[in-house]
Protein backbone atom coordinates (compact mmCIF):
# COMPACT_ATOMS: atom_id res chain seq x y z
CA MET A 1 136.71 131.02 -29.14
CA GLU A 2 138.15 134.40 -28.15
CA LEU A 3 134.66 135.71 -27.28
CA LYS A 4 134.14 132.81 -24.86
CA LYS A 5 137.44 133.59 -23.18
CA GLN A 6 136.46 137.26 -22.85
CA ALA A 7 133.07 136.28 -21.39
CA ARG A 8 134.76 134.06 -18.79
CA VAL A 9 137.04 136.89 -17.69
CA ALA A 10 134.17 139.40 -17.70
CA ALA A 11 132.17 137.11 -15.38
CA GLY A 12 134.67 137.84 -12.61
CA LEU A 13 136.04 135.54 -9.95
CA MET A 14 133.83 133.45 -7.70
CA SER A 15 135.46 135.01 -4.62
CA ASP A 16 134.49 138.51 -5.82
CA ARG A 17 131.00 137.73 -7.13
CA PHE A 18 129.95 135.31 -4.36
CA PRO A 19 132.14 135.94 -1.29
CA LYS A 20 129.99 133.79 1.02
CA VAL A 21 130.46 130.71 -1.23
CA SER A 22 133.41 128.34 -0.80
CA GLY A 23 132.53 126.11 -3.77
CA ILE A 24 129.93 125.01 -6.30
CA VAL A 25 129.56 121.59 -7.93
CA ILE A 26 127.26 121.25 -10.95
CA HIS A 27 126.28 117.73 -12.03
CA MET A 28 124.68 117.57 -15.49
CA THR A 29 123.18 114.81 -17.57
CA TYR A 30 123.04 115.75 -21.25
CA PHE A 31 120.22 114.33 -23.37
CA HIS A 32 119.67 114.27 -27.12
CA LYS A 33 116.99 112.93 -29.45
CA ALA A 34 118.13 109.38 -30.12
CA GLU A 35 117.31 105.77 -29.27
CA ASN A 36 119.63 106.05 -26.26
CA PRO A 37 118.79 109.56 -25.03
CA VAL A 38 121.65 109.99 -22.51
CA LEU A 39 124.49 111.68 -24.37
CA MET A 40 126.86 112.12 -21.42
CA GLU A 41 127.23 112.99 -17.77
CA ARG A 42 129.43 115.85 -16.65
CA THR A 43 130.51 117.40 -13.36
CA VAL A 44 131.96 120.91 -13.18
CA ASN A 45 133.60 122.26 -10.01
CA PHE A 46 133.90 125.95 -9.17
CA PHE A 47 136.33 127.26 -6.55
CA PRO A 48 136.86 130.78 -5.17
CA THR A 49 139.64 131.23 -7.75
CA SER A 50 137.40 130.08 -10.65
CA ASN A 51 135.63 132.42 -13.04
CA ALA A 52 131.95 132.78 -12.14
CA TYR A 53 130.98 131.67 -15.67
CA PHE A 54 128.05 129.25 -15.73
CA ASN A 55 127.25 129.05 -19.46
CA MET A 56 127.63 125.37 -20.40
CA GLU A 57 128.04 124.45 -24.04
CA CYS A 58 125.63 122.28 -25.98
CA MET A 59 127.42 119.01 -26.74
CA ILE A 60 125.61 118.42 -30.04
CA LYS A 61 128.02 118.85 -32.94
CA GLY A 62 127.01 121.73 -35.19
CA CYS A 63 124.82 123.52 -32.64
CA GLU A 64 125.04 127.27 -33.13
CA GLU A 65 124.19 129.90 -30.50
CA GLY A 66 123.06 127.20 -28.09
CA GLY A 67 124.03 125.99 -24.68
CA PHE A 68 122.72 126.13 -21.16
CA ASP A 69 123.16 129.34 -19.22
CA LEU A 70 122.90 128.52 -15.53
CA THR A 71 123.93 132.01 -14.37
CA ARG A 72 120.46 133.17 -13.30
CA VAL A 73 119.78 129.83 -11.62
CA VAL A 74 123.03 129.95 -9.62
CA LYS A 75 122.55 133.61 -8.63
CA LYS A 76 119.02 132.95 -7.36
CA GLN A 77 120.12 129.82 -5.51
CA ILE A 78 122.83 131.77 -3.68
CA LYS A 79 120.51 134.73 -3.03
CA ASP A 80 117.97 132.31 -1.49
CA ASN A 81 120.78 130.61 0.48
CA LYS A 82 119.87 127.14 -0.88
CA LYS A 83 122.40 124.32 -0.77
CA VAL A 84 120.94 122.02 -3.47
CA LEU A 85 118.87 122.85 -6.53
CA LYS A 86 117.70 120.55 -9.34
CA GLY A 87 116.16 121.41 -12.68
CA LYS A 88 116.11 120.99 -16.44
CA LEU A 89 116.98 123.24 -19.38
CA VAL A 90 116.46 122.89 -23.14
CA CYS A 91 119.00 124.11 -25.70
CA LYS A 92 117.57 126.90 -27.85
CA GLY A 93 120.40 126.76 -30.38
CA LYS A 94 120.18 125.97 -34.08
CA ASN A 95 121.51 122.71 -35.43
CA GLY A 96 120.95 122.57 -39.17
CA GLU A 97 117.55 121.05 -39.80
CA SER A 98 117.23 119.54 -36.33
CA SER A 99 114.49 120.79 -34.06
CA ALA A 100 115.15 123.56 -31.59
CA GLU A 101 114.83 120.99 -28.80
CA HIS A 102 117.71 118.83 -30.08
CA SER A 103 119.39 118.76 -26.67
CA SER A 104 118.58 119.22 -22.99
CA ILE A 105 120.17 118.81 -19.58
CA ALA A 106 119.06 117.77 -16.13
CA TYR A 107 121.18 119.50 -13.52
CA GLU A 108 121.89 119.43 -9.81
CA ILE A 109 123.75 122.38 -8.33
CA ASN A 110 125.38 121.99 -4.91
CA VAL A 111 126.59 125.15 -3.21
CA LYS A 112 128.92 125.05 -0.22
CA TYR A 113 128.84 128.20 1.87
CA ASN A 114 131.65 129.54 4.04
CA ARG A 115 131.20 128.85 7.72
CA LYS A 116 130.09 131.80 9.77
CA ARG A 117 132.82 132.82 12.14
CA SER A 118 131.88 133.32 15.76
CA LYS A 119 132.87 136.64 17.26
C-alpha cells in the first residue's frame, strides 16, 4: 500500500504535468470471465490539484501485479490535443490459476482543456 502512495506522489500534480488541462474524466467498464461479464462501472475525476496517477487497479480479488495503466494513453491524448478517446485494455496480472486475461476494461477518457485567453 505504501508503494502505491509513493507512486501517486511521484506522478506529480495534474497542474504541473498537464498545465493546459482543466480536468479529466475517465469512465471505465470492468469485465471478467463469468456468465454476466460486466463486473462494475466506475468513473474517476481528475482535477488540477489531483495527482497525475492513471494506474487503475484490477478489481478481481487475488490479482497480483495487475491493473490498467492508462498513463501512456492519457499523455498521448493530451499531446494530440484530443478531447475524447475510447479503447480497451486487458489485465496482465496473475490470479492464481486463472488465465492472464481474467479481467479487462473498456474506457472513455474525456479531457477538458483550459480556454485560451485572448491578448
